[in-house]
Structures are given as C-alpha cells and as structure tokens.
Amino acid sequence: MTHQPRHQPIPPLWLCRTCAHPWPCGPARLALLHQYADNHIGLTLHLATLHQQAVTDLHDINPHTGPDPRTLHQRFLGWIPRHHRHTTDDL
C-alpha cells in the first residue's frame, strides 16, 4: 500500500486539503521535490498540467476577475528549482 501525501489539492478551489493554504503549499512543494528528485522534467510537466487545470477551474469559479496569471504561474511553476546538468554535448 502506498502512502498518499497529506497535502493534496482540492479542485476546483486549489486549496490544500490539510492546511487550507493555496496549493501547492510549502509541505506539498517539499513532498513533490522529494517525489520527483530524479525527474525534474516529470515534476515540471506534472505541475504544468495541474497549473492549466487550476487556471480553468479558478476562472470558471470567478470569470470576472479570474486568477492572476503571474501569481498562478509563480504558485505552480515559478518555485521549481532550475536544474541543468552539463553534458559533453553542451560544450
């Protein structure tokens, strides 16, 4: 049986199920970094997919003022560490 991380999102509000902070909250970010420690691209793709879903959901909830695109980008993708492994192909 796999252990499900506690800090999960509640769509369509995109709040954390455990702490009620905007998801991904701090503990969720740490868990995601651990879960995807060897797969930076996978983490980015996973969060990009969730980001798009959150944009749609939050806009549907409040279409007049909608979510701020910059804030949502920072919330879902802007915090991901930028890794680049240099290879001999880079030289």
PDB file of N, CA and C in Angstrom:
ATOM      1  N   MET A   1       0.845  -1.193   0.000  1.00  0.00           N
ATOM      2  CA  MET A   1       0.000   0.000   0.000  1.00  0.00           C
ATOM      3  C   MET A   1       0.883   1.245   0.000  1.00  0.00           C
ATOM      4  N   THR A   2       0.635   2.155  -0.927  1.00  0.00           N
ATOM      5  CA  THR A   2       1.429   3.375  -0.981  1.00  0.00           C
ATOM      6  C   THR A   2       0.806   4.429  -0.084  1.00  0.00           C
ATOM      7  N   HIS A   3       1.676   5.226   0.487  1.00  0.00           N
ATOM      8  CA  HIS A   3       1.232   6.297   1.362  1.00  0.00           C
ATOM      9  C   HIS A   3       0.956   7.538   0.530  1.00  0.00           C
ATOM     10  N   GLN A   4      -0.233   8.055   0.612  1.00  0.00           N
ATOM     11  CA  GLN A   4      -0.635   9.255  -0.116  1.00  0.00           C
ATOM     12  C   GLN A   4      -0.175  10.479   0.681  1.00  0.00           C
ATOM     13  N   PRO A   5       0.573  11.402   0.077  1.00  0.00           N
ATOM     14  CA  PRO A   5       0.975  12.607   0.802  1.00  0.00           C
ATOM     15  C   PRO A   5      -0.241  13.338   1.355  1.00  0.00           C
ATOM     16  N   ARG A   6      -0.078  13.923   2.511  1.00  0.00           N
ATOM     17  CA  ARG A   6      -1.196  14.581   3.182  1.00  0.00           C
ATOM     18  C   ARG A   6      -1.627  15.884   2.522  1.00  0.00           C
ATOM     19  N   HIS A   7      -0.714  16.619   1.985  1.00  0.00           N
ATOM     20  CA  HIS A   7      -1.027  17.947   1.456  1.00  0.00           C
ATOM     21  C   HIS A   7      -1.403  17.848  -0.019  1.00  0.00           C
ATOM     22  N   GLN A   8      -2.661  17.515  -0.252  1.00  0.00           N
ATOM     23  CA  GLN A   8      -3.212  17.334  -1.593  1.00  0.00           C
ATOM     24  C   GLN A   8      -4.147  18.496  -1.938  1.00  0.00           C
ATOM     25  N   PRO A   9      -4.281  18.810  -3.224  1.00  0.00           N
ATOM     26  CA  PRO A   9      -5.177  19.893  -3.616  1.00  0.00           C
ATOM     27  C   PRO A   9      -6.643  19.471  -3.586  1.00  0.00           C
ATOM     28  N   ILE A  10      -7.485  20.465  -3.403  1.00  0.00           N
ATOM     29  CA  ILE A  10      -8.932  20.274  -3.520  1.00  0.00           C
ATOM     30  C   ILE A  10      -9.402  21.113  -4.708  1.00  0.00           C
ATOM     31  N   PRO A  11      -9.463  20.495  -5.900  1.00  0.00           N
ATOM     32  CA  PRO A  11     -10.025  21.224  -7.030  1.00  0.00           C
ATOM     33  C   PRO A  11     -11.539  21.364  -6.834  1.00  0.00           C
ATOM     34  N   PRO A  12     -12.197  22.347  -7.292  1.00  0.00           N
ATOM     35  CA  PRO A  12     -11.716  23.404  -8.166  1.00  0.00           C
ATOM     36  C   PRO A  12     -11.167  24.623  -7.420  1.00  0.00           C
ATOM     37  N   LEU A  13     -11.107  24.560  -6.080  1.00  0.00           N
ATOM     38  CA  LEU A  13     -10.619  25.713  -5.319  1.00  0.00           C
ATOM     39  C   LEU A  13      -9.100  25.791  -5.271  1.00  0.00           C
ATOM     40  N   TRP A  14      -8.429  24.668  -5.434  1.00  0.00           N
ATOM     41  CA  TRP A  14      -6.978  24.565  -5.408  1.00  0.00           C
ATOM     42  C   TRP A  14      -6.401  25.068  -4.097  1.00  0.00           C
ATOM     43  N   LEU A  15      -7.073  24.617  -3.025  1.00  0.00           N
ATOM     44  CA  LEU A  15      -6.562  24.820  -1.676  1.00  0.00           C
ATOM     45  C   LEU A  15      -6.064  23.477  -1.167  1.00  0.00           C
ATOM     46  N   CYS A  16      -5.156  23.524  -0.198  1.00  0.00           N
ATOM     47  CA  CYS A  16      -4.620  22.296   0.371  1.00  0.00           C
ATOM     48  C   CYS A  16      -5.652  21.639   1.276  1.00  0.00           C
ATOM     49  N   ARG A  17      -5.817  20.343   1.105  1.00  0.00           N
ATOM     50  CA  ARG A  17      -6.759  19.554   1.890  1.00  0.00           C
ATOM     51  C   ARG A  17      -6.400  19.563   3.379  1.00  0.00           C
ATOM     52  N   THR A  18      -5.117  19.699   3.706  1.00  0.00           N
ATOM     53  CA  THR A  18      -4.665  19.612   5.091  1.00  0.00           C
ATOM     54  C   THR A  18      -4.588  20.969   5.770  1.00  0.00           C
ATOM     55  N   CYS A  19      -3.939  21.949   5.118  1.00  0.00           N
ATOM     56  CA  CYS A  19      -3.684  23.229   5.789  1.00  0.00           C
ATOM     57  C   CYS A  19      -4.508  24.393   5.239  1.00  0.00           C
ATOM     58  N   ALA A  20      -5.250  24.176   4.168  1.00  0.00           N
ATOM     59  CA  ALA A  20      -6.134  25.177   3.547  1.00  0.00           C
ATOM     60  C   ALA A  20      -5.380  26.354   2.922  1.00  0.00           C
ATOM     61  N   HIS A  21      -4.061  26.237   2.753  1.00  0.00           N
ATOM     62  CA  HIS A  21      -3.303  27.261   2.034  1.00  0.00           C
ATOM     63  C   HIS A  21      -3.441  27.008   0.530  1.00  0.00           C
ATOM     64  N   PRO A  22      -3.165  28.019  -0.270  1.00  0.00           N
ATOM     65  CA  PRO A  22      -3.169  27.786  -1.721  1.00  0.00           C
ATOM     66  C   PRO A  22      -2.207  26.647  -2.065  1.00  0.00           C
ATOM     67  N   TRP A  23      -2.694  25.728  -2.888  1.00  0.00           N
ATOM     68  CA  TRP A  23      -1.889  24.567  -3.254  1.00  0.00           C
ATOM     69  C   TRP A  23      -1.128  24.854  -4.539  1.00  0.00           C
ATOM     70  N   PRO A  24       0.133  24.467  -4.660  1.00  0.00           N
ATOM     71  CA  PRO A  24       0.899  23.662  -3.727  1.00  0.00           C
ATOM     72  C   PRO A  24       1.458  24.499  -2.569  1.00  0.00           C
ATOM     73  N   CYS A  25       1.091  24.104  -1.364  1.00  0.00           N
ATOM     74  CA  CYS A  25       1.572  24.749  -0.149  1.00  0.00           C
ATOM     75  C   CYS A  25       3.027  24.325   0.087  1.00  0.00           C
ATOM     76  N   GLY A  26       3.651  24.887   1.090  1.00  0.00           N
ATOM     77  CA  GLY A  26       5.040  24.556   1.389  1.00  0.00           C
ATOM     78  C   GLY A  26       5.295  23.069   1.576  1.00  0.00           C
ATOM     79  N   PRO A  27       4.509  22.392   2.433  1.00  0.00           N
ATOM     80  CA  PRO A  27       4.728  20.952   2.605  1.00  0.00           C
ATOM     81  C   PRO A  27       4.495  20.150   1.317  1.00  0.00           C
ATOM     82  N   ALA A  28       3.545  20.567   0.495  1.00  0.00           N
ATOM     83  CA  ALA A  28       3.307  19.871  -0.777  1.00  0.00           C
ATOM     84  C   ALA A  28       4.497  20.061  -1.707  1.00  0.00           C
ATOM     85  N   ARG A  29       5.070  21.252  -1.724  1.00  0.00           N
ATOM     86  CA  ARG A  29       6.237  21.504  -2.566  1.00  0.00           C
ATOM     87  C   ARG A  29       7.410  20.611  -2.145  1.00  0.00           C
ATOM     88  N   LEU A  30       7.633  20.527  -0.839  1.00  0.00           N
ATOM     89  CA  LEU A  30       8.719  19.654  -0.357  1.00  0.00           C
ATOM     90  C   LEU A  30       8.472  18.202  -0.740  1.00  0.00           C
ATOM     91  N   ALA A  31       7.228  17.754  -0.589  1.00  0.00           N
ATOM     92  CA  ALA A  31       6.893  16.371  -0.946  1.00  0.00           C
ATOM     93  C   ALA A  31       7.083  16.133  -2.446  1.00  0.00           C
ATOM     94  N   LEU A  32       6.691  17.106  -3.267  1.00  0.00           N
ATOM     95  CA  LEU A  32       6.861  16.976  -4.717  1.00  0.00           C
ATOM     96  C   LEU A  32       8.343  16.940  -5.101  1.00  0.00           C
ATOM     97  N   LEU A  33       9.143  17.786  -4.463  1.00  0.00           N
ATOM     98  CA  LEU A  33      10.580  17.772  -4.744  1.00  0.00           C
ATOM     99  C   LEU A  33      11.187  16.422  -4.386  1.00  0.00           C
ATOM    100  N   HIS A  34      10.742  15.856  -3.284  1.00  0.00           N
ATOM    101  CA  HIS A  34      11.235  14.538  -2.874  1.00  0.00           C
ATOM    102  C   HIS A  34      10.756  13.462  -3.853  1.00  0.00           C
ATOM    103  N   GLN A  35       9.478  13.504  -4.191  1.00  0.00           N
ATOM    104  CA  GLN A  35       8.887  12.505  -5.077  1.00  0.00           C
ATOM    105  C   GLN A  35       9.540  12.523  -6.465  1.00  0.00           C
ATOM    106  N   TYR A  36       9.873  13.698  -6.949  1.00  0.00           N
ATOM    107  CA  TYR A  36      10.441  13.851  -8.293  1.00  0.00           C
ATOM    108  C   TYR A  36      11.936  14.207  -8.247  1.00  0.00           C
ATOM    109  N   ALA A  37      12.621  13.792  -7.208  1.00  0.00           N
ATOM    110  CA  ALA A  37      14.026  14.166  -7.015  1.00  0.00           C
ATOM    111  C   ALA A  37      14.896  13.831  -8.219  1.00  0.00           C
ATOM    112  N   ASP A  38      14.632  12.734  -8.883  1.00  0.00           N
ATOM    113  CA  ASP A  38      15.433  12.318 -10.032  1.00  0.00           C
ATOM    114  C   ASP A  38      14.725  12.549 -11.359  1.00  0.00           C
ATOM    115  N   ASN A  39      13.668  13.359 -11.355  1.00  0.00           N
ATOM    116  CA  ASN A  39      12.882  13.549 -12.572  1.00  0.00           C
ATOM    117  C   ASN A  39      12.370  14.992 -12.643  1.00  0.00           C
ATOM    118  N   HIS A  40      13.291  15.926 -12.850  1.00  0.00           N
ATOM    119  CA  HIS A  40      12.947  17.349 -12.906  1.00  0.00           C
ATOM    120  C   HIS A  40      11.941  17.645 -14.008  1.00  0.00           C
ATOM    121  N   ILE A  41      12.110  17.022 -15.155  1.00  0.00           N
ATOM    122  CA  ILE A  41      11.187  17.230 -16.273  1.00  0.00           C
ATOM    123  C   ILE A  41       9.797  16.697 -15.917  1.00  0.00           C
ATOM    124  N   GLY A  42       9.748  15.546 -15.274  1.00  0.00           N
ATOM    125  CA  GLY A  42       8.470  14.983 -14.846  1.00  0.00           C
ATOM    126  C   GLY A  42       7.743  15.898 -13.881  1.00  0.00           C
ATOM    127  N   LEU A  43       8.482  16.483 -12.929  1.00  0.00           N
ATOM    128  CA  LEU A  43       7.882  17.421 -11.974  1.00  0.00           C
ATOM    129  C   LEU A  43       7.315  18.628 -12.714  1.00  0.00           C
ATOM    130  N   THR A  44       8.091  19.160 -13.639  1.00  0.00           N
ATOM    131  CA  THR A  44       7.644  20.327 -14.394  1.00  0.00           C
ATOM    132  C   THR A  44       6.400  20.012 -15.218  1.00  0.00           C
ATOM    133  N   LEU A  45       6.395  18.885 -15.900  1.00  0.00           N
ATOM    134  CA  LEU A  45       5.225  18.501 -16.698  1.00  0.00           C
ATOM    135  C   LEU A  45       4.005  18.252 -15.820  1.00  0.00           C
ATOM    136  N   HIS A  46       4.202  17.589 -14.688  1.00  0.00           N
ATOM    137  CA  HIS A  46       3.098  17.319 -13.764  1.00  0.00           C
ATOM    138  C   HIS A  46       2.477  18.635 -13.283  1.00  0.00           C
ATOM    139  N   LEU A  47       3.325  19.559 -12.838  1.00  0.00           N
ATOM    140  CA  LEU A  47       2.809  20.823 -12.324  1.00  0.00           C
ATOM    141  C   LEU A  47       2.252  21.719 -13.427  1.00  0.00           C
ATOM    142  N   ALA A  48       2.794  21.627 -14.629  1.00  0.00           N
ATOM    143  CA  ALA A  48       2.245  22.401 -15.742  1.00  0.00           C
ATOM    144  C   ALA A  48       0.827  21.934 -16.077  1.00  0.00           C
ATOM    145  N   THR A  49       0.613  20.635 -16.013  1.00  0.00           N
ATOM    146  CA  THR A  49      -0.725  20.085 -16.254  1.00  0.00           C
ATOM    147  C   THR A  49      -1.700  20.550 -15.176  1.00  0.00           C
ATOM    148  N   LEU A  50      -1.267  20.480 -13.920  1.00  0.00           N
ATOM    149  CA  LEU A  50      -2.127  20.927 -12.822  1.00  0.00           C
ATOM    150  C   LEU A  50      -2.355  22.435 -12.882  1.00  0.00           C
ATOM    151  N   HIS A  51      -1.342  23.176 -13.298  1.00  0.00           N
ATOM    152  CA  HIS A  51      -1.468  24.628 -13.453  1.00  0.00           C
ATOM    153  C   HIS A  51      -2.571  24.959 -14.452  1.00  0.00           C
ATOM    154  N   GLN A  52      -2.568  24.273 -15.582  1.00  0.00           N
ATOM    155  CA  GLN A  52      -3.592  24.527 -16.601  1.00  0.00           C
ATOM    156  C   GLN A  52      -4.985  24.197 -16.074  1.00  0.00           C
ATOM    157  N   GLN A  53      -5.100  23.096 -15.339  1.00  0.00           N
ATOM    158  CA  GLN A  53      -6.383  22.731 -14.755  1.00  0.00           C
ATOM    159  C   GLN A  53      -6.836  23.775 -13.733  1.00  0.00           C
ATOM    160  N   ALA A  54      -5.888  24.263 -12.932  1.00  0.00           N
ATOM    161  CA  ALA A  54      -6.222  25.278 -11.930  1.00  0.00           C
ATOM    162  C   ALA A  54      -6.662  26.582 -12.589  1.00  0.00           C
ATOM    163  N   VAL A  55      -5.982  26.985 -13.650  1.00  0.00           N
ATOM    164  CA  VAL A  55      -6.370  28.202 -14.366  1.00  0.00           C
ATOM    165  C   VAL A  55      -7.816  28.085 -14.838  1.00  0.00           C
ATOM    166  N   THR A  56      -8.146  26.961 -15.443  1.00  0.00           N
ATOM    167  CA  THR A  56      -9.503  26.737 -15.942  1.00  0.00           C
ATOM    168  C   THR A  56     -10.508  26.732 -14.793  1.00  0.00           C
ATOM    169  N   ASP A  57     -10.214  25.951 -13.740  1.00  0.00           N
ATOM    170  CA  ASP A  57     -11.142  25.850 -12.608  1.00  0.00           C
ATOM    171  C   ASP A  57     -11.362  27.192 -11.930  1.00  0.00           C
ATOM    172  N   LEU A  58     -10.281  27.901 -11.648  1.00  0.00           N
ATOM    173  CA  LEU A  58     -10.401  29.168 -10.924  1.00  0.00           C
ATOM    174  C   LEU A  58     -11.061  30.239 -11.778  1.00  0.00           C
ATOM    175  N   HIS A  59     -10.843  30.205 -13.072  1.00  0.00           N
ATOM    176  CA  HIS A  59     -11.534  31.145 -13.949  1.00  0.00           C
ATOM    177  C   HIS A  59     -13.029  30.822 -14.009  1.00  0.00           C
ATOM    178  N   ASP A  60     -13.375  29.520 -14.039  1.00  0.00           N
ATOM    179  CA  ASP A  60     -14.784  29.129 -14.047  1.00  0.00           C
ATOM    180  C   ASP A  60     -15.498  29.579 -12.773  1.00  0.00           C
ATOM    181  N   ILE A  61     -14.805  29.520 -11.649  1.00  0.00           N
ATOM    182  CA  ILE A  61     -15.391  29.933 -10.374  1.00  0.00           C
ATOM    183  C   ILE A  61     -15.607  31.441 -10.329  1.00  0.00           C
ATOM    184  N   ASN A  62     -14.656  32.190 -10.882  1.00  0.00           N
ATOM    185  CA  ASN A  62     -14.728  33.647 -10.827  1.00  0.00           C
ATOM    186  C   ASN A  62     -14.321  34.226 -12.184  1.00  0.00           C
ATOM    187  N   PRO A  63     -15.219  34.169 -13.164  1.00  0.00           N
ATOM    188  CA  PRO A  63     -14.849  34.583 -14.525  1.00  0.00           C
ATOM    189  C   PRO A  63     -14.598  36.085 -14.699  1.00  0.00           C
ATOM    190  N   HIS A  64     -15.109  36.911 -13.789  1.00  0.00           N
ATOM    191  CA  HIS A  64     -14.973  38.361 -13.978  1.00  0.00           C
ATOM    192  C   HIS A  64     -13.590  38.870 -13.598  1.00  0.00           C
ATOM    193  N   THR A  65     -13.075  38.414 -12.494  1.00  0.00           N
ATOM    194  CA  THR A  65     -11.738  38.856 -12.113  1.00  0.00           C
ATOM    195  C   THR A  65     -10.712  37.749 -12.329  1.00  0.00           C
ATOM    196  N   GLY A  66     -11.176  36.506 -12.357  1.00  0.00           N
ATOM    197  CA  GLY A  66     -10.309  35.370 -12.662  1.00  0.00           C
ATOM    198  C   GLY A  66      -9.029  35.340 -11.864  1.00  0.00           C
ATOM    199  N   PRO A  67      -8.245  34.322 -12.046  1.00  0.00           N
ATOM    200  CA  PRO A  67      -6.968  34.242 -11.348  1.00  0.00           C
ATOM    201  C   PRO A  67      -5.923  35.118 -12.049  1.00  0.00           C
ATOM    202  N   ASP A  68      -5.028  35.691 -11.276  1.00  0.00           N
ATOM    203  CA  ASP A  68      -3.935  36.470 -11.840  1.00  0.00           C
ATOM    204  C   ASP A  68      -2.932  35.506 -12.471  1.00  0.00           C
ATOM    205  N   PRO A  69      -2.692  35.602 -13.785  1.00  0.00           N
ATOM    206  CA  PRO A  69      -1.802  34.648 -14.457  1.00  0.00           C
ATOM    207  C   PRO A  69      -0.397  34.599 -13.861  1.00  0.00           C
ATOM    208  N   ARG A  70       0.164  35.744 -13.504  1.00  0.00           N
ATOM    209  CA  ARG A  70       1.518  35.750 -12.934  1.00  0.00           C
ATOM    210  C   ARG A  70       1.560  35.054 -11.588  1.00  0.00           C
ATOM    211  N   THR A  71       0.562  35.311 -10.771  1.00  0.00           N
ATOM    212  CA  THR A  71       0.511  34.694  -9.445  1.00  0.00           C
ATOM    213  C   THR A  71       0.368  33.185  -9.560  1.00  0.00           C
ATOM    214  N   LEU A  72      -0.505  32.721 -10.449  1.00  0.00           N
ATOM    215  CA  LEU A  72      -0.677  31.280 -10.615  1.00  0.00           C
ATOM    216  C   LEU A  72       0.566  30.626 -11.205  1.00  0.00           C
ATOM    217  N   HIS A  73       1.223  31.303 -12.126  1.00  0.00           N
ATOM    218  CA  HIS A  73       2.460  30.748 -12.683  1.00  0.00           C
ATOM    219  C   HIS A  73       3.498  30.591 -11.577  1.00  0.00           C
ATOM    220  N   GLN A  74       3.676  31.617 -10.768  1.00  0.00           N
ATOM    221  CA  GLN A  74       4.640  31.541  -9.667  1.00  0.00           C
ATOM    222  C   GLN A  74       4.248  30.444  -8.678  1.00  0.00           C
ATOM    223  N   ARG A  75       2.974  30.359  -8.390  1.00  0.00           N
ATOM    224  CA  ARG A  75       2.470  29.371  -7.422  1.00  0.00           C
ATOM    225  C   ARG A  75       2.709  27.939  -7.878  1.00  0.00           C
ATOM    226  N   PHE A  76       2.488  27.650  -9.149  1.00  0.00           N
ATOM    227  CA  PHE A  76       2.601  26.281  -9.641  1.00  0.00           C
ATOM    228  C   PHE A  76       3.972  25.963 -10.243  1.00  0.00           C
ATOM    229  N   LEU A  77       4.586  26.907 -10.906  1.00  0.00           N
ATOM    230  CA  LEU A  77       5.806  26.604 -11.656  1.00  0.00           C
ATOM    231  C   LEU A  77       7.019  27.443 -11.267  1.00  0.00           C
ATOM    232  N   GLY A  78       6.795  28.639 -10.790  1.00  0.00           N
ATOM    233  CA  GLY A  78       7.898  29.557 -10.532  1.00  0.00           C
ATOM    234  C   GLY A  78       8.834  29.150  -9.421  1.00  0.00           C
ATOM    235  N   TRP A  79       8.393  28.282  -8.543  1.00  0.00           N
ATOM    236  CA  TRP A  79       9.220  27.876  -7.401  1.00  0.00           C
ATOM    237  C   TRP A  79      10.116  26.678  -7.702  1.00  0.00           C
ATOM    238  N   ILE A  80       9.898  26.009  -8.834  1.00  0.00           N
ATOM    239  CA  ILE A  80      10.660  24.800  -9.148  1.00  0.00           C
ATOM    240  C   ILE A  80      12.123  25.180  -9.378  1.00  0.00           C
ATOM    241  N   PRO A  81      13.051  24.524  -8.686  1.00  0.00           N
ATOM    242  CA  PRO A  81      14.468  24.822  -8.919  1.00  0.00           C
ATOM    243  C   PRO A  81      14.841  24.561 -10.372  1.00  0.00           C
ATOM    244  N   ARG A  82      15.680  25.401 -10.898  1.00  0.00           N
ATOM    245  CA  ARG A  82      16.127  25.247 -12.285  1.00  0.00           C
ATOM    246  C   ARG A  82      17.408  24.427 -12.284  1.00  0.00           C
ATOM    247  N   HIS A  83      17.296  23.217 -12.820  1.00  0.00           N
ATOM    248  CA  HIS A  83      18.444  22.321 -12.892  1.00  0.00           C
ATOM    249  C   HIS A  83      18.861  22.182 -14.344  1.00  0.00           C
ATOM    250  N   HIS A  84      20.135  22.194 -14.540  1.00  0.00           N
ATOM    251  CA  HIS A  84      20.661  21.892 -15.869  1.00  0.00           C
ATOM    252  C   HIS A  84      21.945  21.107 -15.665  1.00  0.00           C
ATOM    253  N   ARG A  85      21.914  19.886 -16.083  1.00  0.00           N
ATOM    254  CA  ARG A  85      23.108  19.062 -15.977  1.00  0.00           C
ATOM    255  C   ARG A  85      23.927  19.254 -17.249  1.00  0.00           C
ATOM    256  N   HIS A  86      25.159  19.678 -17.072  1.00  0.00           N
ATOM    257  CA  HIS A  86      26.031  19.868 -18.215  1.00  0.00           C
ATOM    258  C   HIS A  86      26.539  18.516 -18.714  1.00  0.00           C
ATOM    259  N   THR A  87      26.475  18.347 -19.989  1.00  0.00           N
ATOM    260  CA  THR A  87      26.999  17.140 -20.615  1.00  0.00           C
ATOM    261  C   THR A  87      28.050  17.560 -21.625  1.00  0.00           C
ATOM    262  N   THR A  88      28.719  16.592 -22.172  1.00  0.00           N
ATOM    263  CA  THR A  88      29.718  16.922 -23.196  1.00  0.00           C
ATOM    264  C   THR A  88      29.059  17.505 -24.440  1.00  0.00           C
ATOM    265  N   ASP A  89      27.775  17.254 -24.644  1.00  0.00           N
ATOM    266  CA  ASP A  89      27.058  17.833 -25.782  1.00  0.00           C
ATOM    267  C   ASP A  89      26.891  19.346 -25.634  1.00  0.00           C
ATOM    268  N   ASP A  90      26.949  19.833 -24.372  1.00  0.00           N
ATOM    269  CA  ASP A  90      26.795  21.258 -24.122  1.00  0.00           C
ATOM    270  C   ASP A  90      28.049  22.049 -24.472  1.00  0.00           C
ATOM    271  N   LEU A  91      29.151  21.373 -24.584  1.00  0.00           N
ATOM    272  CA  LEU A  91      30.437  22.063 -24.797  1.00  0.00           C
ATOM    273  C   LEU A  91      30.667  22.419 -26.231  1.00  0.00           C
TER     274      LEU A  91
END
